[in-house]
Amino acid sequence: MLAYIGKRLIWMVPSLFAVSFMAFVLIQLPPGDYVTTYIATLAASNEVVDQQQAADLRNRFGLDQPFIVQYGKWMWGILSRGDFGLSFEWQQPVSGLIWERMALTLALTFATLLLTWAIALPIGVYSAVKQYSIGDYFVTALGFIGLAIPSFLFALVLMYLAVVYFGQEVGGLFSPEYQNAPWSWAKVWNLMEHIWVPVLILAVNGTASLVRIMRANMLDELPKPYVTTARAKGLSEFRLLVKYPMRLAINPFISTIAWLLPNLVSGAAIVGVVMSLPTAGPLLLQALMSQDMYLAGAFILLLCTLTLVGTLISDLLLAAVDPRIRLE
């Protein structure tokens, strides 16, 4: 086991270098750079920036240097000091901007995961056990609706209902008085009062998808001989389901860990923009739009790291849960 984990960790190093280089290349592929975007923004406000000022800005940000020099300085700063560079748009260290958003993103994603699993697992099992019943048809219809509704549209509808019928403030995760307040139990409670709306929105599509997957996997396992044998030995139906077919059908839930961790950064960006959430997704989107290459590059590098770590955790848990899987 330790040898397997060590081998996977060693292979992560060249993968991260390759992804960091490709990310740096892709961010600079669009024509222009951050200064070009900045000048265009000023021009929209009837402000004019002459060529000398633009050249000074490029020199200040190091954008006048060759691509490989920019990449080398960025990577050297990461490896030697843990410095991801300075955000052009925010004029703040990239590391500070990222970690300030990650705590709230983690809370939102973890709450969404718990709600998704708590709903999808029992409903998927029920739908398979009661195949072609009225309950199964009802769950299937709701699942297709959940898959079909765009998250941003559901966000707008739920925000309207929350304001009109529940008197709930929408937009952001805190009331105005708690936006910049230090953390306290009152602020945590205020977060709990606001977080249920985005959690419900984000959970709908994932729940509908996992219900269908769980139902299909359970239907594959239920007719198999080992289930018939266990039932013939007198096991109660609930214990039989939990001990045998569910243990094998639950694999997709564990596999979601592989994309759950990178989803901390990139997931729900559109919902975050619609609801003005102070999470990582909208910040990454803004960085890409403004060609803020150090901020966007750091996010993409973090995205790759979380993907590799999530895949490793998922593989190890699958080997522990499913007796058919062996690391050898």
Protein backbone atom coordinates (compact mmCIF):
# COMPACT_ATOMS: atom_id res chain seq x y z
CA MET A 1 0.00 0.00 0.00
CA LEU A 2 2.74 2.49 0.98
CA ALA A 3 4.71 1.66 -2.16
CA TYR A 4 1.62 2.27 -4.29
CA ILE A 5 0.94 5.63 -2.62
CA GLY A 6 4.60 6.64 -2.96
CA LYS A 7 4.61 5.77 -6.66
CA ARG A 8 1.48 7.82 -7.27
CA LEU A 9 2.92 10.81 -5.38
CA ILE A 10 6.15 10.67 -7.39
CA TRP A 11 4.23 10.65 -10.67
CA MET A 12 2.30 13.74 -9.51
CA VAL A 13 5.44 15.89 -9.68
CA PRO A 14 6.02 15.76 -13.48
CA SER A 15 2.25 15.95 -14.01
CA LEU A 16 2.07 19.21 -12.06
CA PHE A 17 5.02 20.70 -13.96
CA ALA A 18 3.42 19.77 -17.29
CA VAL A 19 0.05 21.22 -16.28
CA SER A 20 1.60 24.43 -14.92
CA PHE A 21 3.40 24.97 -18.24
CA MET A 22 0.29 24.24 -20.31
CA ALA A 23 -1.79 26.52 -18.09
CA PHE A 24 0.70 29.34 -18.58
CA VAL A 25 0.63 28.79 -22.34
CA LEU A 26 -3.19 28.68 -22.56
CA ILE A 27 -3.64 31.83 -20.48
CA GLN A 28 -1.38 33.75 -22.86
CA LEU A 29 -2.89 32.35 -26.07
CA PRO A 30 -5.64 35.00 -26.40
CA PRO A 31 -4.41 38.14 -28.17
CA GLY A 32 -3.06 40.86 -25.91
CA ASP A 33 -2.39 40.67 -22.19
CA TYR A 34 -3.66 42.13 -18.93
CA VAL A 35 -2.55 45.64 -19.94
CA THR A 36 -4.54 45.35 -23.18
CA THR A 37 -7.64 44.36 -21.22
CA TYR A 38 -7.01 47.15 -18.71
CA ILE A 39 -6.66 49.77 -21.46
CA ALA A 40 -9.88 48.55 -23.12
CA THR A 41 -11.70 48.89 -19.79
CA LEU A 42 -10.44 52.46 -19.39
CA ALA A 43 -11.40 53.27 -22.98
CA ALA A 44 -14.97 52.18 -22.22
CA SER A 45 -14.96 54.88 -19.52
CA ASN A 46 -13.60 57.49 -21.97
CA GLU A 47 -10.13 57.41 -20.42
CA VAL A 48 -7.17 57.35 -22.80
CA VAL A 49 -3.86 55.59 -22.10
CA ASP A 50 -1.01 56.46 -24.46
CA GLN A 51 1.61 54.01 -25.73
CA GLN A 52 4.26 55.13 -23.25
CA GLN A 53 1.97 54.53 -20.28
CA ALA A 54 1.09 51.09 -21.68
CA ALA A 55 4.78 50.26 -22.08
CA ASP A 56 5.46 51.40 -18.51
CA LEU A 57 2.67 49.16 -17.23
CA ARG A 58 4.02 46.16 -19.13
CA ASN A 59 7.48 46.83 -17.74
CA ARG A 60 6.08 47.15 -14.22
CA PHE A 61 4.22 43.83 -14.46
CA GLY A 62 7.06 42.06 -16.30
CA LEU A 63 4.90 41.46 -19.37
CA ASP A 64 7.59 42.80 -21.71
CA GLN A 65 9.82 39.80 -20.95
CA PRO A 66 9.86 36.57 -23.04
CA PHE A 67 7.26 33.96 -22.16
CA ILE A 68 9.76 31.41 -20.87
CA VAL A 69 11.34 34.01 -18.56
CA GLN A 70 7.94 34.87 -17.08
CA TYR A 71 7.17 31.19 -16.53
CA GLY A 72 10.59 30.52 -15.01
CA LYS A 73 10.27 33.40 -12.52
CA TRP A 74 6.76 32.29 -11.57
CA MET A 75 7.78 28.68 -10.95
CA TRP A 76 10.93 29.71 -9.07
CA GLY A 77 8.84 31.88 -6.75
CA ILE A 78 6.45 28.97 -6.10
CA LEU A 79 9.19 26.41 -5.44
CA SER A 80 11.54 28.63 -3.42
CA ARG A 81 9.17 30.82 -1.40
CA GLY A 82 5.66 29.49 -1.99
CA ASP A 83 4.97 32.81 -3.75
CA PHE A 84 2.39 32.53 -6.55
CA GLY A 85 3.01 36.08 -7.70
CA LEU A 86 1.04 39.30 -7.56
CA SER A 87 -2.46 39.64 -8.96
CA PHE A 88 -2.44 42.41 -11.59
CA GLU A 89 -6.09 43.31 -11.12
CA TRP A 90 -6.27 43.14 -7.32
CA GLN A 91 -2.71 44.27 -6.60
CA GLN A 92 -2.51 41.68 -3.85
CA PRO A 93 -0.51 38.46 -3.40
CA VAL A 94 -2.22 35.62 -5.25
CA SER A 95 -1.89 33.20 -2.31
CA GLY A 96 -3.85 35.55 -0.03
CA LEU A 97 -6.67 35.93 -2.56
CA ILE A 98 -6.96 32.18 -3.08
CA TRP A 99 -6.97 31.06 0.55
CA GLU A 100 -9.37 33.78 1.58
CA ARG A 101 -11.96 32.29 -0.82
CA MET A 102 -11.20 28.62 -0.17
CA ALA A 103 -12.64 28.45 3.37
CA LEU A 104 -16.12 29.53 2.23
CA THR A 105 -15.85 27.39 -0.91
CA LEU A 106 -14.98 24.37 1.25
CA ALA A 107 -17.96 24.99 3.55
CA LEU A 108 -20.34 25.33 0.59
CA THR A 109 -19.04 22.24 -1.20
CA PHE A 110 -18.99 20.05 1.92
CA ALA A 111 -22.58 21.01 2.78
CA THR A 112 -23.64 20.31 -0.82
CA LEU A 113 -21.91 16.92 -0.73
CA LEU A 114 -23.65 15.88 2.49
CA LEU A 115 -27.06 16.92 1.17
CA THR A 116 -26.47 15.20 -2.18
CA TRP A 117 -25.43 11.91 -0.61
CA ALA A 118 -28.13 12.01 2.06
CA ILE A 119 -30.83 12.33 -0.63
CA ALA A 120 -29.41 10.35 -3.56
CA LEU A 121 -28.35 7.19 -1.70
CA PRO A 122 -31.69 6.18 -0.11
CA ILE A 123 -33.79 7.37 -3.05
CA GLY A 124 -31.62 5.51 -5.56
CA VAL A 125 -31.92 2.29 -3.54
CA TYR A 126 -35.69 2.73 -3.12
CA SER A 127 -36.13 3.39 -6.84
CA ALA A 128 -34.27 0.16 -7.71
CA VAL A 129 -35.99 -2.03 -5.12
CA LYS A 130 -39.42 -0.68 -6.13
CA GLN A 131 -38.72 -0.76 -9.86
CA TYR A 132 -41.66 0.34 -12.06
CA SER A 133 -43.77 1.31 -9.05
CA ILE A 134 -45.53 4.67 -8.78
CA GLY A 135 -42.76 5.88 -6.46
CA ASP A 136 -40.11 4.85 -9.00
CA TYR A 137 -41.86 6.72 -11.81
CA PHE A 138 -42.25 9.80 -9.59
CA VAL A 139 -38.56 9.77 -8.60
CA THR A 140 -37.53 9.22 -12.22
CA ALA A 141 -39.63 12.19 -13.38
CA LEU A 142 -38.11 14.43 -10.69
CA GLY A 143 -34.63 13.21 -11.64
CA PHE A 144 -35.08 14.12 -15.29
CA ILE A 145 -36.41 17.56 -14.30
CA GLY A 146 -33.42 18.07 -12.00
CA LEU A 147 -31.02 17.13 -14.79
CA ALA A 148 -32.76 19.38 -17.32
CA ILE A 149 -33.02 22.60 -15.30
CA PRO A 150 -29.91 24.82 -15.66
CA SER A 151 -28.42 25.67 -12.27
CA PHE A 152 -28.41 29.42 -12.92
CA LEU A 153 -32.13 29.38 -13.84
CA PHE A 154 -32.98 27.40 -10.71
CA ALA A 155 -30.88 29.89 -8.74
CA LEU A 156 -32.95 32.83 -10.03
CA VAL A 157 -36.24 31.05 -9.26
CA LEU A 158 -35.15 30.01 -5.76
CA MET A 159 -33.81 33.49 -5.01
CA TYR A 160 -37.20 34.95 -5.95
CA LEU A 161 -39.06 32.45 -3.75
CA ALA A 162 -36.66 33.04 -0.85
CA VAL A 163 -37.23 36.81 -0.98
CA VAL A 164 -40.98 36.84 -1.62
CA TYR A 165 -42.17 33.95 0.58
CA PHE A 166 -39.47 33.57 3.24
CA GLY A 167 -38.17 37.12 3.56
CA GLN A 168 -34.66 35.70 3.11
CA GLU A 169 -31.80 37.92 2.00
CA VAL A 170 -30.21 36.53 -1.17
CA GLY A 171 -26.92 37.28 -2.82
CA GLY A 172 -23.73 36.52 -0.94
CA LEU A 173 -23.32 34.33 2.11
CA PHE A 174 -23.58 36.98 4.82
CA SER A 175 -25.78 39.88 5.82
CA PRO A 176 -24.19 43.32 5.21
CA GLU A 177 -23.25 43.77 8.88
CA TYR A 178 -21.29 40.50 8.87
CA GLN A 179 -19.51 40.93 5.52
CA ASN A 180 -16.22 42.21 6.97
CA ALA A 181 -16.81 41.34 10.63
CA PRO A 182 -14.37 39.01 12.43
CA TRP A 183 -15.48 35.39 12.84
CA SER A 184 -17.78 34.69 15.76
CA TRP A 185 -20.66 32.35 16.57
CA ALA A 186 -23.07 35.03 15.37
CA LYS A 187 -21.30 35.19 12.00
CA VAL A 188 -21.30 31.39 11.71
CA TRP A 189 -25.05 31.33 12.40
CA ASN A 190 -25.55 34.08 9.82
CA LEU A 191 -23.65 31.93 7.32
CA MET A 192 -25.95 28.99 8.10
CA GLU A 193 -28.99 31.19 7.46
CA HIS A 194 -27.72 32.12 3.99
CA ILE A 195 -25.93 29.00 2.78
CA TRP A 196 -29.00 26.79 2.37
CA VAL A 197 -30.07 28.54 -0.85
CA PRO A 198 -26.84 27.93 -2.85
CA VAL A 199 -26.47 24.45 -1.29
CA LEU A 200 -29.95 23.46 -2.48
CA ILE A 201 -29.27 24.86 -5.95
CA LEU A 202 -25.95 23.06 -6.33
CA ALA A 203 -27.31 19.80 -4.91
CA VAL A 204 -30.22 19.45 -7.33
CA ASN A 205 -28.29 18.50 -10.47
CA GLY A 206 -25.78 16.28 -8.66
CA THR A 207 -28.53 14.51 -6.70
CA ALA A 208 -30.57 13.79 -9.83
CA SER A 209 -27.51 12.33 -11.56
CA LEU A 210 -26.43 10.14 -8.62
CA VAL A 211 -29.97 8.82 -8.09
CA ARG A 212 -30.01 7.53 -11.67
CA ILE A 213 -26.54 6.00 -11.31
CA MET A 214 -27.37 4.38 -7.96
CA ARG A 215 -30.60 2.96 -9.34
CA ALA A 216 -28.86 1.49 -12.39
CA ASN A 217 -26.07 -0.07 -10.30
CA MET A 218 -28.51 -1.57 -7.80
CA LEU A 219 -30.57 -3.05 -10.64
CA ASP A 220 -27.39 -4.72 -11.92
CA GLU A 221 -26.61 -6.24 -8.50
CA LEU A 222 -30.06 -7.30 -7.25
CA PRO A 223 -30.61 -10.24 -9.68
CA LYS A 224 -27.20 -11.79 -9.02
CA PRO A 225 -26.90 -15.19 -7.31
CA TYR A 226 -25.19 -13.93 -4.16
CA VAL A 227 -28.24 -11.79 -3.37
CA THR A 228 -30.55 -14.77 -3.84
CA THR A 229 -28.30 -16.92 -1.61
CA ALA A 230 -28.22 -14.28 1.15
CA ARG A 231 -32.01 -13.96 0.99
CA ALA A 232 -32.38 -17.76 1.19
CA LYS A 233 -30.24 -17.79 4.35
CA GLY A 234 -32.88 -15.68 6.07
CA LEU A 235 -31.24 -12.24 6.13
CA SER A 236 -33.68 -9.40 6.58
CA GLU A 237 -34.21 -7.32 3.43
CA PHE A 238 -32.65 -4.18 4.93
CA ARG A 239 -29.54 -5.98 6.19
CA LEU A 240 -29.21 -7.84 2.90
CA LEU A 241 -29.33 -4.60 0.88
CA VAL A 242 -26.82 -2.79 3.10
CA LYS A 243 -24.35 -5.66 3.41
CA TYR A 244 -24.20 -6.84 -0.21
CA PRO A 245 -25.60 -4.97 -3.26
CA MET A 246 -25.29 -1.48 -1.77
CA ARG A 247 -21.64 -2.09 -0.91
CA LEU A 248 -20.89 -2.70 -4.59
CA ALA A 249 -23.33 -0.17 -6.05
CA ILE A 250 -21.94 2.68 -3.91
CA ASN A 251 -18.77 2.92 -6.03
CA PRO A 252 -19.97 5.99 -7.99
CA PHE A 253 -20.42 7.91 -4.72
CA ILE A 254 -16.82 7.24 -3.76
CA SER A 255 -15.63 8.03 -7.29
CA THR A 256 -17.14 11.52 -6.99
CA ILE A 257 -14.31 12.43 -4.62
CA ALA A 258 -12.02 12.57 -7.68
CA TRP A 259 -13.96 15.54 -9.06
CA LEU A 260 -15.25 16.90 -5.76
CA LEU A 261 -11.91 18.41 -4.71
CA PRO A 262 -11.23 20.26 -7.99
CA ASN A 263 -14.86 21.34 -7.91
CA LEU A 264 -13.90 23.42 -4.86
CA VAL A 265 -12.20 25.79 -7.29
CA SER A 266 -13.97 25.57 -10.62
CA GLY A 267 -17.42 24.29 -9.75
CA ALA A 268 -20.55 26.41 -9.63
CA ALA A 269 -18.86 29.46 -11.14
CA ILE A 270 -22.04 30.59 -12.92
CA VAL A 271 -24.18 30.08 -9.79
CA GLY A 272 -21.53 31.98 -7.81
CA VAL A 273 -21.73 34.90 -10.24
CA VAL A 274 -25.55 34.93 -10.26
CA MET A 275 -25.73 34.86 -6.45
CA SER A 276 -22.64 37.05 -5.83
CA LEU A 277 -21.00 34.33 -3.74
CA PRO A 278 -17.50 35.08 -2.35
CA THR A 279 -16.20 31.70 -3.54
CA ALA A 280 -13.34 30.60 -5.77
CA GLY A 281 -15.30 30.03 -9.00
CA PRO A 282 -16.23 33.67 -9.76
CA LEU A 283 -12.69 34.82 -8.92
CA LEU A 284 -11.20 32.28 -11.35
CA LEU A 285 -13.65 33.36 -14.06
CA GLN A 286 -12.75 37.03 -13.54
CA ALA A 287 -9.03 36.23 -13.63
CA LEU A 288 -9.42 34.44 -16.97
CA MET A 289 -11.49 37.26 -18.46
CA SER A 290 -8.99 39.94 -17.42
CA GLN A 291 -5.95 37.76 -18.35
CA ASP A 292 -4.63 38.06 -14.81
CA MET A 293 -2.19 35.25 -15.59
CA TYR A 294 -0.62 34.67 -12.17
CA LEU A 295 -3.99 34.46 -10.41
CA ALA A 296 -5.54 32.27 -13.14
CA GLY A 297 -2.41 30.12 -13.37
CA ALA A 298 -2.37 29.54 -9.61
CA PHE A 299 -6.04 28.50 -9.69
CA ILE A 300 -5.45 26.06 -12.56
CA LEU A 301 -2.39 24.60 -10.82
CA LEU A 302 -4.44 24.17 -7.64
CA LEU A 303 -7.21 22.60 -9.73
CA CYS A 304 -4.79 20.01 -11.12
CA THR A 305 -3.30 19.28 -7.69
CA LEU A 306 -6.74 18.70 -6.20
CA THR A 307 -7.69 16.46 -9.15
CA LEU A 308 -4.63 14.25 -8.62
CA VAL A 309 -5.11 14.10 -4.84
CA GLY A 310 -8.83 13.43 -5.20
CA THR A 311 -8.19 10.60 -7.66
CA LEU A 312 -5.69 9.01 -5.27
CA ILE A 313 -8.10 9.23 -2.32
CA SER A 314 -10.92 7.83 -4.47
CA ASP A 315 -8.79 4.88 -5.62
CA LEU A 316 -7.74 4.03 -2.07
CA LEU A 317 -11.31 4.19 -0.74
CA LEU A 318 -12.60 2.07 -3.61
CA ALA A 319 -10.01 -0.58 -2.80
CA ALA A 320 -11.10 -0.51 0.85
CA VAL A 321 -14.86 -0.67 0.17
CA ASP A 322 -15.10 -2.96 -2.87
CA PRO A 323 -13.58 -6.44 -2.32
CA ARG A 324 -13.29 -6.91 -6.11
CA ILE A 325 -10.69 -4.13 -6.38
CA ARG A 326 -7.05 -4.77 -5.51
CA LEU A 327 -4.19 -2.29 -5.73
CA GLU A 328 -1.90 -4.93 -7.18
